C-alpha cells in the first residue's frame, strides 16, 4: 500500500488534531514524509502532533525527540516540501 503525499498529509493532520495542532511544514526523504505540527499556544515546541509517515506501508510514527539517531538520519537526507494550507 503505497501512499501519495496528500493521503499522508491527511493522516498527519488527523493525528495533529488530537493535540489541537495543525500541520505547518513537511519534509521528505526516500522512506518517510515528516509533518511538523504546531499551534500558537506553546512558546516551546514539545513535538506533540508531529509525525513521520512511511511511504511504503503508510504507518505513522510519532516524533520522539529523544530518538536522536532516527531524527538525525532523516534530517541529513530530507528536503523541504511546501505545504499549502
PDB file of N, CA and C in Angstrom:
ATOM      1  N   UNK A   1       0.849  -1.188   0.000  1.00  0.00           N
ATOM      2  CA  UNK A   1       0.000   0.000   0.000  1.00  0.00           C
ATOM      3  C   UNK A   1       0.886   1.239   0.000  1.00  0.00           C
ATOM      4  N   UNK A   2       1.215   1.741  -1.144  1.00  0.00           N
ATOM      5  CA  UNK A   2       2.000   2.972  -1.202  1.00  0.00           C
ATOM      6  C   UNK A   2       1.059   4.170  -1.152  1.00  0.00           C
ATOM      7  N   UNK A   3       1.407   5.130  -0.337  1.00  0.00           N
ATOM      8  CA  UNK A   3       0.604   6.348  -0.181  1.00  0.00           C
ATOM      9  C   UNK A   3       1.104   7.448  -1.091  1.00  0.00           C
ATOM     10  N   UNK A   4       0.217   8.368  -1.406  1.00  0.00           N
ATOM     11  CA  UNK A   4       0.685   9.594  -2.045  1.00  0.00           C
ATOM     12  C   UNK A   4       0.787  10.674  -0.965  1.00  0.00           C
ATOM     13  N   UNK A   5       1.409  11.769  -1.312  1.00  0.00           N
ATOM     14  CA  UNK A   5       1.660  12.834  -0.336  1.00  0.00           C
ATOM     15  C   UNK A   5       0.372  13.352   0.297  1.00  0.00           C
ATOM     16  N   UNK A   6      -0.664  13.579  -0.499  1.00  0.00           N
ATOM     17  CA  UNK A   6      -1.902  14.151   0.051  1.00  0.00           C
ATOM     18  C   UNK A   6      -2.573  13.215   1.049  1.00  0.00           C
ATOM     19  N   UNK A   7      -2.547  11.916   0.783  1.00  0.00           N
ATOM     20  CA  UNK A   7      -3.125  10.954   1.724  1.00  0.00           C
ATOM     21  C   UNK A   7      -2.317  10.947   3.029  1.00  0.00           C
ATOM     22  N   UNK A   8      -1.000  11.004   2.906  1.00  0.00           N
ATOM     23  CA  UNK A   8      -0.143  11.046   4.094  1.00  0.00           C
ATOM     24  C   UNK A   8      -0.383  12.329   4.882  1.00  0.00           C
ATOM     25  N   UNK A   9      -0.530  13.437   4.181  1.00  0.00           N
ATOM     26  CA  UNK A   9      -0.788  14.719   4.851  1.00  0.00           C
ATOM     27  C   UNK A   9      -2.121  14.670   5.607  1.00  0.00           C
ATOM     28  N   UNK A  10      -3.133  14.050   5.011  1.00  0.00           N
ATOM     29  CA  UNK A  10      -4.428  13.918   5.687  1.00  0.00           C
ATOM     30  C   UNK A  10      -4.301  13.078   6.966  1.00  0.00           C
ATOM     31  N   UNK A  11      -3.537  11.987   6.884  1.00  0.00           N
ATOM     32  CA  UNK A  11      -3.302  11.162   8.074  1.00  0.00           C
ATOM     33  C   UNK A  11      -2.616  11.979   9.164  1.00  0.00           C
ATOM     34  N   UNK A  12      -1.589  12.727   8.776  1.00  0.00           N
ATOM     35  CA  UNK A  12      -0.837  13.533   9.735  1.00  0.00           C
ATOM     36  C   UNK A  12      -1.708  14.636  10.334  1.00  0.00           C
ATOM     37  N   UNK A  13      -2.570  15.224   9.525  1.00  0.00           N
ATOM     38  CA  UNK A  13      -3.455  16.288  10.018  1.00  0.00           C
ATOM     39  C   UNK A  13      -4.429  15.737  11.061  1.00  0.00           C
ATOM     40  N   UNK A  14      -4.957  14.533  10.827  1.00  0.00           N
ATOM     41  CA  UNK A  14      -5.853  13.898  11.800  1.00  0.00           C
ATOM     42  C   UNK A  14      -5.105  13.630  13.111  1.00  0.00           C
ATOM     43  N   UNK A  15      -3.873  13.176  12.989  1.00  0.00           N
ATOM     44  CA  UNK A  15      -3.056  12.917  14.179  1.00  0.00           C
ATOM     45  C   UNK A  15      -2.782  14.217  14.928  1.00  0.00           C
ATOM     46  N   UNK A  16      -2.398  15.267  14.221  1.00  0.00           N
ATOM     47  CA  UNK A  16      -2.090  16.556  14.848  1.00  0.00           C
ATOM     48  C   UNK A  16      -3.316  17.139  15.552  1.00  0.00           C
ATOM     49  N   UNK A  17      -4.479  16.900  14.977  1.00  0.00           N
ATOM     50  CA  UNK A  17      -5.722  17.424  15.543  1.00  0.00           C
ATOM     51  C   UNK A  17      -5.956  16.898  16.962  1.00  0.00           C
ATOM     52  N   UNK A  18      -5.463  15.704  17.257  1.00  0.00           N
ATOM     53  CA  UNK A  18      -5.596  15.134  18.609  1.00  0.00           C
ATOM     54  C   UNK A  18      -4.881  15.987  19.649  1.00  0.00           C
ATOM     55  N   UNK A  19      -3.914  16.772  19.200  1.00  0.00           N
ATOM     56  CA  UNK A  19      -3.128  17.621  20.093  1.00  0.00           C
ATOM     57  C   UNK A  19      -3.485  19.098  19.918  1.00  0.00           C
ATOM     58  N   UNK A  20      -4.611  19.344  19.249  1.00  0.00           N
ATOM     59  CA  UNK A  20      -5.076  20.702  18.983  1.00  0.00           C
ATOM     60  C   UNK A  20      -4.041  21.488  18.172  1.00  0.00           C
ATOM     61  N   UNK A  21      -3.451  20.825  17.189  1.00  0.00           N
ATOM     62  CA  UNK A  21      -2.438  21.450  16.342  1.00  0.00           C
ATOM     63  C   UNK A  21      -2.781  21.223  14.878  1.00  0.00           C
ATOM     64  N   UNK A  22      -2.074  21.927  14.019  1.00  0.00           N
ATOM     65  CA  UNK A  22      -2.242  21.746  12.587  1.00  0.00           C
ATOM     66  C   UNK A  22      -0.864  21.589  11.948  1.00  0.00           C
ATOM     67  N   UNK A  23      -0.848  21.055  10.748  1.00  0.00           N
ATOM     68  CA  UNK A  23       0.403  20.837  10.026  1.00  0.00           C
ATOM     69  C   UNK A  23       0.920  22.194   9.539  1.00  0.00           C
ATOM     70  N   UNK A  24       2.186  22.484   9.863  1.00  0.00           N
ATOM     71  CA  UNK A  24       2.768  23.766   9.438  1.00  0.00           C
ATOM     72  C   UNK A  24       3.969  23.584   8.516  1.00  0.00           C
ATOM     73  N   UNK A  25       4.433  22.359   8.358  1.00  0.00           N
ATOM     74  CA  UNK A  25       5.582  22.125   7.492  1.00  0.00           C
ATOM     75  C   UNK A  25       5.745  20.654   7.189  1.00  0.00           C
ATOM     76  N   UNK A  26       6.482  20.361   6.123  1.00  0.00           N
ATOM     77  CA  UNK A  26       6.720  18.964   5.753  1.00  0.00           C
ATOM     78  C   UNK A  26       8.098  18.830   5.121  1.00  0.00           C
ATOM     79  N   UNK A  27       8.663  17.642   5.299  1.00  0.00           N
ATOM     80  CA  UNK A  27       9.939  17.273   4.677  1.00  0.00           C
ATOM     81  C   UNK A  27       9.797  15.841   4.206  1.00  0.00           C
ATOM     82  N   UNK A  28      10.694  15.441   3.317  1.00  0.00           N
ATOM     83  CA  UNK A  28      10.665  14.050   2.890  1.00  0.00           C
ATOM     84  C   UNK A  28      12.058  13.548   2.579  1.00  0.00           C
ATOM     85  N   UNK A  29      12.215  12.238   2.700  1.00  0.00           N
ATOM     86  CA  UNK A  29      13.393  11.561   2.188  1.00  0.00           C
ATOM     87  C   UNK A  29      12.873  10.346   1.419  1.00  0.00           C
ATOM     88  N   UNK A  30      13.717   9.409   1.087  1.00  0.00           N
ATOM     89  CA  UNK A  30      13.295   8.269   0.275  1.00  0.00           C
ATOM     90  C   UNK A  30      12.263   7.381   0.978  1.00  0.00           C
ATOM     91  N   UNK A  31      12.287   7.337   2.311  1.00  0.00           N
ATOM     92  CA  UNK A  31      11.414   6.422   3.048  1.00  0.00           C
ATOM     93  C   UNK A  31      10.216   7.062   3.744  1.00  0.00           C
ATOM     94  N   UNK A  32      10.377   8.313   4.195  1.00  0.00           N
ATOM     95  CA  UNK A  32       9.345   8.937   5.032  1.00  0.00           C
ATOM     96  C   UNK A  32       9.007  10.354   4.589  1.00  0.00           C
ATOM     97  N   UNK A  33       7.783  10.739   4.930  1.00  0.00           N
ATOM     98  CA  UNK A  33       7.401  12.150   4.963  1.00  0.00           C
ATOM     99  C   UNK A  33       7.398  12.528   6.444  1.00  0.00           C
ATOM    100  N   UNK A  34       7.858  13.720   6.766  1.00  0.00           N
ATOM    101  CA  UNK A  34       7.774  14.227   8.131  1.00  0.00           C
ATOM    102  C   UNK A  34       6.845  15.430   8.112  1.00  0.00           C
ATOM    103  N   UNK A  35       5.884  15.442   9.002  1.00  0.00           N
ATOM    104  CA  UNK A  35       4.931  16.541   9.106  1.00  0.00           C
ATOM    105  C   UNK A  35       5.093  17.211  10.459  1.00  0.00           C
ATOM    106  N   UNK A  36       5.410  18.489  10.419  1.00  0.00           N
ATOM    107  CA  UNK A  36       5.578  19.265  11.647  1.00  0.00           C
ATOM    108  C   UNK A  36       4.239  19.890  12.014  1.00  0.00           C
ATOM    109  N   UNK A  37       3.846  19.696  13.260  1.00  0.00           N
ATOM    110  CA  UNK A  37       2.581  20.237  13.755  1.00  0.00           C
ATOM    111  C   UNK A  37       2.855  21.246  14.849  1.00  0.00           C
ATOM    112  N   UNK A  38       2.046  22.294  14.894  1.00  0.00           N
ATOM    113  CA  UNK A  38       2.200  23.304  15.939  1.00  0.00           C
ATOM    114  C   UNK A  38       0.932  24.142  16.013  1.00  0.00           C
ATOM    115  N   UNK A  39       0.860  24.937  17.044  1.00  0.00           N
ATOM    116  CA  UNK A  39      -0.169  25.966  17.182  1.00  0.00           C
ATOM    117  C   UNK A  39       0.469  27.134  17.915  1.00  0.00           C
ATOM    118  N   UNK A  40      -0.264  28.165  18.145  1.00  0.00           N
ATOM    119  CA  UNK A  40       0.305  29.359  18.771  1.00  0.00           C
ATOM    120  C   UNK A  40       0.233  29.336  20.291  1.00  0.00           C
ATOM    121  N   UNK A  41      -0.182  28.202  20.862  1.00  0.00           N
ATOM    122  CA  UNK A  41      -0.376  28.139  22.311  1.00  0.00           C
ATOM    123  C   UNK A  41       0.886  27.766  23.083  1.00  0.00           C
ATOM    124  N   UNK A  42       1.888  27.207  22.418  1.00  0.00           N
ATOM    125  CA  UNK A  42       3.080  26.725  23.116  1.00  0.00           C
ATOM    126  C   UNK A  42       4.299  27.543  22.713  1.00  0.00           C
ATOM    127  N   UNK A  43       4.905  28.253  23.631  1.00  0.00           N
ATOM    128  CA  UNK A  43       6.115  29.023  23.293  1.00  0.00           C
ATOM    129  C   UNK A  43       7.296  28.122  22.944  1.00  0.00           C
ATOM    130  N   UNK A  44       7.312  26.911  23.492  1.00  0.00           N
ATOM    131  CA  UNK A  44       8.373  25.953  23.200  1.00  0.00           C
ATOM    132  C   UNK A  44       7.734  24.740  22.529  1.00  0.00           C
ATOM    133  N   UNK A  45       8.241  24.351  21.363  1.00  0.00           N
ATOM    134  CA  UNK A  45       7.678  23.215  20.643  1.00  0.00           C
ATOM    135  C   UNK A  45       7.971  21.930  21.402  1.00  0.00           C
ATOM    136  N   UNK A  46       6.909  21.222  21.783  1.00  0.00           N
ATOM    137  CA  UNK A  46       7.073  19.970  22.508  1.00  0.00           C
ATOM    138  C   UNK A  46       7.098  18.766  21.575  1.00  0.00           C
ATOM    139  N   UNK A  47       6.885  18.995  20.291  1.00  0.00           N
ATOM    140  CA  UNK A  47       6.921  17.907  19.321  1.00  0.00           C
ATOM    141  C   UNK A  47       5.629  17.122  19.211  1.00  0.00           C
ATOM    142  N   UNK A  48       4.713  17.305  20.148  1.00  0.00           N
ATOM    143  CA  UNK A  48       3.456  16.560  20.115  1.00  0.00           C
ATOM    144  C   UNK A  48       2.676  16.905  18.844  1.00  0.00           C
ATOM    145  N   UNK A  49       2.182  15.880  18.194  1.00  0.00           N
ATOM    146  CA  UNK A  49       1.406  16.069  16.970  1.00  0.00           C
ATOM    147  C   UNK A  49       2.232  15.967  15.704  1.00  0.00           C
ATOM    148  N   UNK A  50       3.538  16.137  15.820  1.00  0.00           N
ATOM    149  CA  UNK A  50       4.413  15.974  14.663  1.00  0.00           C
ATOM    150  C   UNK A  50       4.663  14.484  14.446  1.00  0.00           C
ATOM    151  N   UNK A  51       4.773  14.073  13.175  1.00  0.00           N
ATOM    152  CA  UNK A  51       4.929  12.647  12.921  1.00  0.00           C
ATOM    153  C   UNK A  51       5.615  12.361  11.593  1.00  0.00           C
ATOM    154  N   UNK A  52       6.064  11.134  11.474  1.00  0.00           N
ATOM    155  CA  UNK A  52       6.611  10.596  10.238  1.00  0.00           C
ATOM    156  C   UNK A  52       5.576   9.637   9.666  1.00  0.00           C
ATOM    157  N   UNK A  53       5.418   9.632   8.348  1.00  0.00           N
ATOM    158  CA  UNK A  53       4.556   8.658   7.686  1.00  0.00           C
ATOM    159  C   UNK A  53       5.423   7.877   6.703  1.00  0.00           C
ATOM    160  N   UNK A  54       5.410   6.561   6.848  1.00  0.00           N
ATOM    161  CA  UNK A  54       6.199   5.692   5.987  1.00  0.00           C
ATOM    162  C   UNK A  54       5.577   5.670   4.590  1.00  0.00           C
ATOM    163  N   UNK A  55       6.377   5.926   3.577  1.00  0.00           N
ATOM    164  CA  UNK A  55       5.881   5.993   2.200  1.00  0.00           C
ATOM    165  C   UNK A  55       5.434   4.634   1.664  1.00  0.00           C
ATOM    166  N   UNK A  56       6.020   3.561   2.161  1.00  0.00           N
ATOM    167  CA  UNK A  56       5.695   2.236   1.617  1.00  0.00           C
ATOM    168  C   UNK A  56       4.479   1.596   2.262  1.00  0.00           C
ATOM    169  N   UNK A  57       4.410   1.628   3.593  1.00  0.00           N
ATOM    170  CA  UNK A  57       3.315   0.910   4.246  1.00  0.00           C
ATOM    171  C   UNK A  57       2.284   1.813   4.912  1.00  0.00           C
ATOM    172  N   UNK A  58       2.503   3.137   4.898  1.00  0.00           N
ATOM    173  CA  UNK A  58       1.526   4.064   5.456  1.00  0.00           C
ATOM    174  C   UNK A  58       1.491   4.112   6.969  1.00  0.00           C
ATOM    175  N   UNK A  59       2.467   3.487   7.620  1.00  0.00           N
ATOM    176  CA  UNK A  59       2.473   3.528   9.081  1.00  0.00           C
ATOM    177  C   UNK A  59       2.879   4.919   9.568  1.00  0.00           C
ATOM    178  N   UNK A  60       2.317   5.301  10.690  1.00  0.00           N
ATOM    179  CA  UNK A  60       2.580   6.606  11.275  1.00  0.00           C
ATOM    180  C   UNK A  60       3.478   6.417  12.494  1.00  0.00           C
ATOM    181  N   UNK A  61       4.531   7.191  12.557  1.00  0.00           N
ATOM    182  CA  UNK A  61       5.478   7.132  13.686  1.00  0.00           C
ATOM    183  C   UNK A  61       5.509   8.518  14.316  1.00  0.00           C
ATOM    184  N   UNK A  62       5.098   8.616  15.571  1.00  0.00           N
ATOM    185  CA  UNK A  62       5.105   9.924  16.230  1.00  0.00           C
ATOM    186  C   UNK A  62       6.537  10.401  16.409  1.00  0.00           C
ATOM    187  N   UNK A  63       6.715  11.707  16.376  1.00  0.00           N
ATOM    188  CA  UNK A  63       8.026  12.290  16.616  1.00  0.00           C
ATOM    189  C   UNK A  63       8.436  11.986  18.043  1.00  0.00           C
ATOM    190  N   UNK A  64       9.617  11.428  18.195  1.00  0.00           N
ATOM    191  CA  UNK A  64      10.186  11.149  19.505  1.00  0.00           C
ATOM    192  C   UNK A  64      11.457  11.985  19.597  1.00  0.00           C
ATOM    193  N   UNK A  65      11.414  13.059  20.358  1.00  0.00           N
ATOM    194  CA  UNK A  65      12.537  13.994  20.418  1.00  0.00           C
ATOM    195  C   UNK A  65      13.820  13.370  20.959  1.00  0.00           C
ATOM    196  N   UNK A  66      13.729  12.268  21.692  1.00  0.00           N
ATOM    197  CA  UNK A  66      14.939  11.640  22.221  1.00  0.00           C
ATOM    198  C   UNK A  66      15.522  10.576  21.278  1.00  0.00           C
ATOM    199  N   UNK A  67      14.831  10.256  20.200  1.00  0.00           N
ATOM    200  CA  UNK A  67      15.342   9.301  19.216  1.00  0.00           C
ATOM    201  C   UNK A  67      16.252  10.055  18.244  1.00  0.00           C
ATOM    202  N   UNK A  68      17.367  10.529  18.778  1.00  0.00           N
ATOM    203  CA  UNK A  68      18.285  11.379  18.024  1.00  0.00           C
ATOM    204  C   UNK A  68      18.817  10.695  16.764  1.00  0.00           C
ATOM    205  N   UNK A  69      19.095   9.416  16.849  1.00  0.00           N
ATOM    206  CA  UNK A  69      19.670   8.703  15.712  1.00  0.00           C
ATOM    207  C   UNK A  69      18.715   8.710  14.516  1.00  0.00           C
ATOM    208  N   UNK A  70      17.447   8.388  14.764  1.00  0.00           N
ATOM    209  CA  UNK A  70      16.461   8.384  13.679  1.00  0.00           C
ATOM    210  C   UNK A  70      16.237   9.789  13.138  1.00  0.00           C
ATOM    211  N   UNK A  71      16.000  10.746  14.048  1.00  0.00           N
ATOM    212  CA  UNK A  71      15.730  12.127  13.633  1.00  0.00           C
ATOM    213  C   UNK A  71      16.895  12.714  12.852  1.00  0.00           C
ATOM    214  N   UNK A  72      18.106  12.471  13.310  1.00  0.00           N
ATOM    215  CA  UNK A  72      19.291  12.998  12.648  1.00  0.00           C
ATOM    216  C   UNK A  72      19.483  12.355  11.278  1.00  0.00           C
ATOM    217  N   UNK A  73      19.295  11.042  11.211  1.00  0.00           N
ATOM    218  CA  UNK A  73      19.419  10.345   9.933  1.00  0.00           C
ATOM    219  C   UNK A  73      18.420  10.855   8.923  1.00  0.00           C
ATOM    220  N   UNK A  74      17.193  11.102   9.373  1.00  0.00           N
ATOM    221  CA  UNK A  74      16.172  11.645   8.479  1.00  0.00           C
ATOM    222  C   UNK A  74      16.574  13.046   8.020  1.00  0.00           C
ATOM    223  N   UNK A  75      16.947  13.888   8.943  1.00  0.00           N
ATOM    224  CA  UNK A  75      17.285  15.285   8.624  1.00  0.00           C
ATOM    225  C   UNK A  75      18.434  15.393   7.629  1.00  0.00           C
ATOM    226  N   UNK A  76      19.390  14.472   7.700  1.00  0.00           N
ATOM    227  CA  UNK A  76      20.538  14.518   6.798  1.00  0.00           C
ATOM    228  C   UNK A  76      20.164  14.236   5.354  1.00  0.00           C
ATOM    229  N   UNK A  77      19.058  13.527   5.139  1.00  0.00           N
ATOM    230  CA  UNK A  77      18.668  13.160   3.773  1.00  0.00           C
ATOM    231  C   UNK A  77      17.370  13.820   3.321  1.00  0.00           C
ATOM    232  N   UNK A  78      16.769  14.650   4.169  1.00  0.00           N
ATOM    233  CA  UNK A  78      15.444  15.206   3.867  1.00  0.00           C
ATOM    234  C   UNK A  78      15.514  16.514   3.093  1.00  0.00           C
ATOM    235  N   UNK A  79      14.459  16.767   2.352  1.00  0.00           N
ATOM    236  CA  UNK A  79      14.277  18.047   1.661  1.00  0.00           C
ATOM    237  C   UNK A  79      12.920  18.612   2.067  1.00  0.00           C
ATOM    238  N   UNK A  80      12.816  19.928   2.067  1.00  0.00           N
ATOM    239  CA  UNK A  80      11.566  20.606   2.438  1.00  0.00           C
ATOM    240  C   UNK A  80      10.516  20.445   1.353  1.00  0.00           C
ATOM    241  N   UNK A  81       9.259  20.423   1.789  1.00  0.00           N
ATOM    242  CA  UNK A  81       8.104  20.394   0.892  1.00  0.00           C
ATOM    243  C   UNK A  81       7.250  21.609   1.253  1.00  0.00           C
ATOM    244  N   UNK A  82       6.783  22.323   0.267  1.00  0.00           N
ATOM    245  CA  UNK A  82       5.872  23.439   0.521  1.00  0.00           C
ATOM    246  C   UNK A  82       4.495  22.859   0.802  1.00  0.00           C
ATOM    247  N   UNK A  83       3.948  23.230   1.953  1.00  0.00           N
ATOM    248  CA  UNK A  83       2.635  22.710   2.372  1.00  0.00           C
ATOM    249  C   UNK A  83       1.612  23.824   2.242  1.00  0.00           C
ATOM    250  N   UNK A  84       0.643  23.606   1.375  1.00  0.00           N
ATOM    251  CA  UNK A  84      -0.444  24.580   1.230  1.00  0.00           C
ATOM    252  C   UNK A  84      -1.445  24.348   2.340  1.00  0.00           C
ATOM    253  N   UNK A  85      -2.005  25.407   2.887  1.00  0.00           N
ATOM    254  CA  UNK A  85      -2.953  25.271   3.991  1.00  0.00           C
ATOM    255  C   UNK A  85      -4.269  24.728   3.507  1.00  0.00           C
TER     256      UNK A  85
END
